[in-house]
Every structure is written in C-alpha cells, then in structure tokens.
Amino acid sequence: MTAFAEPIVAPQPAAAVRPPRHCVLVVDDDPTICEVLATRLEHQGFRTLKCGRGIEGLALARQERPSLVVLDIRLPDIDGLAVCEVLADDPETCAIPVIILSGQEDPDLVRRCRAAGCHYFLHKPYDPNALLTLIRHAIGEAGAWRGHDLCDGSWEG
C-alpha cells in the first residue's frame, strides 16, 4: 500500500484591496492654481477633476459625483456663488461638500458663501496643509451622513 503525501502549497498573499479613492473637483479659472492643487491632492491619494469655468464644473459635478468640490468665486462664465447655489439646490449634488477659495476682500463674503450652500471658506492665499486637512474633514463628515437624505430635510437625527 502506497501512501501519497499531500503537496505542500505555500499560502498566496491576499490581493491588496485598495479602498476607492475620493474624487475632488477643482473649479478655478487660474490654471496654475488648478494644476498645483490637483497635483498636491493626487500625491495625497485623491483622484482629481479640474476645470476653469462654472458651467463645466456643474456638468462635471452632476456626471462624476465627486466627494468634494473646491470652488473659486470669480469664474469667467458664472459666479462661483451661483455654482454653489445650483449644487446645493440639485437633489443629485446637494450632499457634495463645497469649499470656496477666494482672494476677494469683502467683509460680508463668508456669510454670502454660507447662504449659497458653501460648507467651508478659505481665503487666498491659503495654507495648503490647512486646505488638505479641511478636505479630509469635509469628506469624512459627508461620509458619516451617507444613507440619509440630506436634501429634502426628511432625516430626523
């Protein structure tokens, strides 16, 4: 009677499962700001989309559903505050956090941004590390609300 030994098979390492990368849409008419910010975010593991016009930003937000939008106020086609209002009023995009970056000197600007639906405001020039921290915080905060309908006020917490 001959006994056959089972071959010894080394365990294969499990395939690394990478979590999906968050996408950040950068809408700014200054191509240098767009490129520098997108590059910095990509080095931090984010996927980025960028454009220099408000109408294009609205289309990208509806189509791609980014995790967050970084938005300038002065855009060549429509005002960034109008973009923010449209995003906030649209059931498809209302839960996307918006961070407005602006170099405008207006004492009432932060209030107007908040009224338009902006979640956070940073003044240009901004600290890149502060922006990165704010982006991570806003995405994490939005993720905590996933599954609740934030747009129609039906969620009772």
C-alpha atoms as a PDB file:
ATOM      1  CA  MET A   1       0.000   0.000   0.000  1.00  0.00           C
ATOM      2  CA  THR A   2       1.481   3.269  -1.093  1.00  0.00           C
ATOM      3  CA  ALA A   3       0.641   6.482   0.696  1.00  0.00           C
ATOM      4  CA  PHE A   4       0.685   9.702  -1.225  1.00  0.00           C
ATOM      5  CA  ALA A   5       1.562  12.800   0.655  1.00  0.00           C
ATOM      6  CA  GLU A   6      -0.381  15.967   0.016  1.00  0.00           C
ATOM      7  CA  PRO A   7       1.812  18.533  -1.673  1.00  0.00           C
ATOM      8  CA  ILE A   8       2.722  21.457   0.481  1.00  0.00           C
ATOM      9  CA  VAL A   9       1.378  24.623  -1.046  1.00  0.00           C
ATOM     10  CA  ALA A  10       2.599  27.929   0.231  1.00  0.00           C
ATOM     11  CA  PRO A  11      -0.238  30.298   1.005  1.00  0.00           C
ATOM     12  CA  GLN A  12      -0.626  33.043  -1.543  1.00  0.00           C
ATOM     13  CA  PRO A  13      -0.681  36.567  -0.219  1.00  0.00           C
ATOM     14  CA  ALA A  14      -4.109  38.102  -0.375  1.00  0.00           C
ATOM     15  CA  ALA A  15      -4.506  40.680  -3.072  1.00  0.00           C
ATOM     16  CA  ALA A  16      -4.268  44.111  -1.594  1.00  0.00           C
ATOM     17  CA  VAL A  17      -7.693  45.672  -1.620  1.00  0.00           C
ATOM     18  CA  ARG A  18      -7.401  49.389  -2.032  1.00  0.00           C
ATOM     19  CA  PRO A  19     -10.287  51.492  -0.886  1.00  0.00           C
ATOM     20  CA  PRO A  20     -11.826  53.628  -3.609  1.00  0.00           C
ATOM     21  CA  ARG A  21     -10.106  56.968  -3.945  1.00  0.00           C
ATOM     22  CA  HIS A  22     -12.118  60.040  -3.172  1.00  0.00           C
ATOM     23  CA  CYS A  23     -12.544  62.423  -6.064  1.00  0.00           C
ATOM     24  CA  VAL A  24     -12.101  66.183  -5.662  1.00  0.00           C
ATOM     25  CA  LEU A  25     -13.372  68.578  -8.326  1.00  0.00           C
ATOM     26  CA  VAL A  26     -11.336  71.807  -8.533  1.00  0.00           C
ATOM     27  CA  VAL A  27     -13.099  74.705 -10.273  1.00  0.00           C
ATOM     28  CA  ASP A  28     -10.803  77.718 -10.680  1.00  0.00           C
ATOM     29  CA  ASP A  29     -10.082  79.922 -13.703  1.00  0.00           C
ATOM     30  CA  ASP A  30      -6.399  80.166 -12.768  1.00  0.00           C
ATOM     31  CA  PRO A  31      -4.773  77.146 -14.479  1.00  0.00           C
ATOM     32  CA  THR A  32      -1.747  77.312 -12.178  1.00  0.00           C
ATOM     33  CA  ILE A  33      -3.898  77.051  -9.046  1.00  0.00           C
ATOM     34  CA  CYS A  34      -5.856  74.169 -10.611  1.00  0.00           C
ATOM     35  CA  GLU A  35      -2.739  72.274 -11.588  1.00  0.00           C
ATOM     36  CA  VAL A  36      -0.841  72.793  -8.317  1.00  0.00           C
ATOM     37  CA  LEU A  37      -3.851  71.872  -6.183  1.00  0.00           C
ATOM     38  CA  ALA A  38      -4.712  68.821  -8.319  1.00  0.00           C
ATOM     39  CA  THR A  39      -1.112  67.587  -8.229  1.00  0.00           C
ATOM     40  CA  ARG A  40      -0.899  68.010  -4.459  1.00  0.00           C
ATOM     41  CA  LEU A  41      -4.200  66.171  -3.956  1.00  0.00           C
ATOM     42  CA  GLU A  42      -3.158  63.342  -6.268  1.00  0.00           C
ATOM     43  CA  HIS A  43       0.062  62.926  -4.257  1.00  0.00           C
ATOM     44  CA  GLN A  44      -2.171  62.526  -1.201  1.00  0.00           C
ATOM     45  CA  GLY A  45      -4.159  59.727  -2.858  1.00  0.00           C
ATOM     46  CA  PHE A  46      -7.124  61.662  -4.220  1.00  0.00           C
ATOM     47  CA  ARG A  47      -8.454  61.457  -7.750  1.00  0.00           C
ATOM     48  CA  THR A  48      -8.969  64.930  -9.186  1.00  0.00           C
ATOM     49  CA  LEU A  49     -11.008  66.635 -11.848  1.00  0.00           C
ATOM     50  CA  LYS A  50     -10.326  70.230 -12.769  1.00  0.00           C
ATOM     51  CA  CYS A  51     -11.904  72.920 -14.883  1.00  0.00           C
ATOM     52  CA  GLY A  52     -11.850  76.689 -15.209  1.00  0.00           C
ATOM     53  CA  ARG A  53     -15.496  77.511 -15.830  1.00  0.00           C
ATOM     54  CA  GLY A  54     -18.582  77.279 -13.640  1.00  0.00           C
ATOM     55  CA  ILE A  55     -20.876  75.653 -16.205  1.00  0.00           C
ATOM     56  CA  GLU A  56     -18.283  72.960 -16.853  1.00  0.00           C
ATOM     57  CA  GLY A  57     -17.898  72.450 -13.102  1.00  0.00           C
ATOM     58  CA  LEU A  58     -21.652  71.944 -12.706  1.00  0.00           C
ATOM     59  CA  ALA A  59     -21.676  69.390 -15.525  1.00  0.00           C
ATOM     60  CA  LEU A  60     -18.712  67.508 -14.025  1.00  0.00           C
ATOM     61  CA  ALA A  61     -20.293  67.512 -10.564  1.00  0.00           C
ATOM     62  CA  ARG A  62     -23.525  66.041 -11.934  1.00  0.00           C
ATOM     63  CA  GLN A  63     -21.751  63.491 -14.110  1.00  0.00           C
ATOM     64  CA  GLU A  64     -18.907  62.375 -11.813  1.00  0.00           C
ATOM     65  CA  ARG A  65     -20.423  62.965  -8.353  1.00  0.00           C
ATOM     66  CA  PRO A  66     -17.129  63.974  -6.702  1.00  0.00           C
ATOM     67  CA  SER A  67     -16.606  63.558  -2.972  1.00  0.00           C
ATOM     68  CA  LEU A  68     -15.953  67.306  -2.671  1.00  0.00           C
ATOM     69  CA  VAL A  69     -15.776  70.499  -4.756  1.00  0.00           C
ATOM     70  CA  VAL A  70     -13.124  73.190  -4.296  1.00  0.00           C
ATOM     71  CA  LEU A  71     -14.581  76.314  -5.903  1.00  0.00           C
ATOM     72  CA  ASP A  72     -13.324  79.786  -6.755  1.00  0.00           C
ATOM     73  CA  ILE A  73     -15.811  82.660  -6.719  1.00  0.00           C
ATOM     74  CA  ARG A  74     -14.550  84.625  -9.709  1.00  0.00           C
ATOM     75  CA  LEU A  75     -15.120  82.494 -12.776  1.00  0.00           C
ATOM     76  CA  PRO A  76     -15.296  83.730 -16.373  1.00  0.00           C
ATOM     77  CA  ASP A  77     -18.816  82.493 -17.159  1.00  0.00           C
ATOM     78  CA  ILE A  78     -20.864  82.467 -13.946  1.00  0.00           C
ATOM     79  CA  ASP A  79     -20.208  83.491 -10.372  1.00  0.00           C
ATOM     80  CA  GLY A  80     -18.931  80.757  -8.068  1.00  0.00           C
ATOM     81  CA  LEU A  81     -21.674  81.585  -5.576  1.00  0.00           C
ATOM     82  CA  ALA A  82     -24.245  80.807  -8.285  1.00  0.00           C
ATOM     83  CA  VAL A  83     -22.471  77.488  -8.919  1.00  0.00           C
ATOM     84  CA  CYS A  84     -22.628  76.734  -5.208  1.00  0.00           C
ATOM     85  CA  GLU A  85     -26.367  77.556  -5.087  1.00  0.00           C
ATOM     86  CA  VAL A  86     -27.125  75.282  -8.037  1.00  0.00           C
ATOM     87  CA  LEU A  87     -25.149  72.425  -6.442  1.00  0.00           C
ATOM     88  CA  ALA A  88     -26.964  72.924  -3.135  1.00  0.00           C
ATOM     89  CA  ASP A  89     -30.411  73.046  -4.782  1.00  0.00           C
ATOM     90  CA  ASP A  90     -29.933  69.990  -7.009  1.00  0.00           C
ATOM     91  CA  PRO A  91     -31.003  66.681  -5.384  1.00  0.00           C
ATOM     92  CA  GLU A  92     -28.197  64.934  -7.292  1.00  0.00           C
ATOM     93  CA  THR A  93     -25.416  67.165  -5.898  1.00  0.00           C
ATOM     94  CA  CYS A  94     -26.740  68.699  -2.691  1.00  0.00           C
ATOM     95  CA  ALA A  95     -24.787  66.348  -0.402  1.00  0.00           C
ATOM     96  CA  ILE A  96     -21.419  67.162  -2.011  1.00  0.00           C
ATOM     97  CA  PRO A  97     -19.424  69.412   0.330  1.00  0.00           C
ATOM     98  CA  VAL A  98     -18.156  72.660  -1.204  1.00  0.00           C
ATOM     99  CA  ILE A  99     -15.065  74.550  -0.074  1.00  0.00           C
ATOM    100  CA  ILE A 100     -14.791  78.038  -1.515  1.00  0.00           C
ATOM    101  CA  LEU A 101     -11.346  79.550  -2.021  1.00  0.00           C
ATOM    102  CA  SER A 102     -11.329  83.276  -2.709  1.00  0.00           C
ATOM    103  CA  GLY A 103      -8.980  86.206  -2.673  1.00  0.00           C
ATOM    104  CA  GLN A 104     -11.826  88.727  -2.559  1.00  0.00           C
ATOM    105  CA  GLU A 105     -11.765  91.269   0.248  1.00  0.00           C
ATOM    106  CA  ASP A 106     -15.388  91.585   1.295  1.00  0.00           C
ATOM    107  CA  PRO A 107     -16.417  91.619   4.964  1.00  0.00           C
ATOM    108  CA  ASP A 108     -19.759  90.014   4.068  1.00  0.00           C
ATOM    109  CA  LEU A 109     -18.298  87.305   1.813  1.00  0.00           C
ATOM    110  CA  VAL A 110     -18.262  84.408   4.274  1.00  0.00           C
ATOM    111  CA  ARG A 111     -21.924  84.988   5.132  1.00  0.00           C
ATOM    112  CA  ARG A 112     -22.835  85.114   1.427  1.00  0.00           C
ATOM    113  CA  CYS A 113     -20.900  81.883   0.807  1.00  0.00           C
ATOM    114  CA  ARG A 114     -22.711  80.119   3.633  1.00  0.00           C
ATOM    115  CA  ALA A 115     -26.060  81.393   2.326  1.00  0.00           C
ATOM    116  CA  ALA A 116     -25.188  79.957  -1.106  1.00  0.00           C
ATOM    117  CA  GLY A 117     -24.634  76.498   0.395  1.00  0.00           C
ATOM    118  CA  CYS A 118     -20.870  76.526   0.914  1.00  0.00           C
ATOM    119  CA  HIS A 119     -19.636  74.270   3.703  1.00  0.00           C
ATOM    120  CA  TYR A 120     -16.237  75.893   4.268  1.00  0.00           C
ATOM    121  CA  PHE A 121     -14.391  79.030   3.180  1.00  0.00           C
ATOM    122  CA  LEU A 122     -10.650  79.657   2.883  1.00  0.00           C
ATOM    123  CA  HIS A 123      -9.079  82.944   1.887  1.00  0.00           C
ATOM    124  CA  LYS A 124      -6.395  83.024  -0.822  1.00  0.00           C
ATOM    125  CA  PRO A 125      -3.518  82.738  -0.399  1.00  0.00           C
ATOM    126  CA  TYR A 126      -4.257  79.664   1.666  1.00  0.00           C
ATOM    127  CA  ASP A 127      -2.138  77.237   3.660  1.00  0.00           C
ATOM    128  CA  PRO A 128      -2.046  74.015   1.564  1.00  0.00           C
ATOM    129  CA  ASN A 129      -1.873  71.869   4.702  1.00  0.00           C
ATOM    130  CA  ALA A 130      -4.924  73.598   6.171  1.00  0.00           C
ATOM    131  CA  LEU A 131      -6.819  73.005   2.920  1.00  0.00           C
ATOM    132  CA  LEU A 132      -5.839  69.332   2.876  1.00  0.00           C
ATOM    133  CA  THR A 133      -6.992  68.924   6.488  1.00  0.00           C
ATOM    134  CA  LEU A 134     -10.263  70.679   5.672  1.00  0.00           C
ATOM    135  CA  ILE A 135     -10.825  68.483   2.595  1.00  0.00           C
ATOM    136  CA  ARG A 136     -10.292  65.314   4.626  1.00  0.00           C
ATOM    137  CA  HIS A 137     -12.572  66.588   7.384  1.00  0.00           C
ATOM    138  CA  ALA A 138     -15.346  67.603   4.968  1.00  0.00           C
ATOM    139  CA  ILE A 139     -15.219  64.269   3.109  1.00  0.00           C
ATOM    140  CA  GLY A 140     -15.254  62.355   6.390  1.00  0.00           C
ATOM    141  CA  GLU A 141     -18.140  64.428   7.691  1.00  0.00           C
ATOM    142  CA  ALA A 142     -20.107  63.909   4.466  1.00  0.00           C
ATOM    143  CA  GLY A 143     -19.379  60.170   4.620  1.00  0.00           C
ATOM    144  CA  ALA A 144     -20.898  59.988   8.092  1.00  0.00           C
ATOM    145  CA  TRP A 145     -24.165  61.265   6.615  1.00  0.00           C
ATOM    146  CA  ARG A 146     -24.297  58.855   3.660  1.00  0.00           C
ATOM    147  CA  GLY A 147     -27.550  56.959   3.563  1.00  0.00           C
ATOM    148  CA  HIS A 148     -29.573  59.853   4.929  1.00  0.00           C
ATOM    149  CA  ASP A 149     -31.474  62.179   2.618  1.00  0.00           C
ATOM    150  CA  LEU A 150     -29.837  65.491   3.380  1.00  0.00           C
ATOM    151  CA  CYS A 151     -31.521  67.415   0.601  1.00  0.00           C
ATOM    152  CA  ASP A 152     -35.198  67.226   1.432  1.00  0.00           C
ATOM    153  CA  GLY A 153     -34.868  67.548   5.203  1.00  0.00           C
ATOM    154  CA  SER A 154     -36.541  64.186   5.754  1.00  0.00           C
ATOM    155  CA  TRP A 155     -33.828  62.815   8.003  1.00  0.00           C
ATOM    156  CA  GLU A 156     -34.539  63.329  11.655  1.00  0.00           C
ATOM    157  CA  GLY A 157     -31.471  62.919  13.778  1.00  0.00           C
END
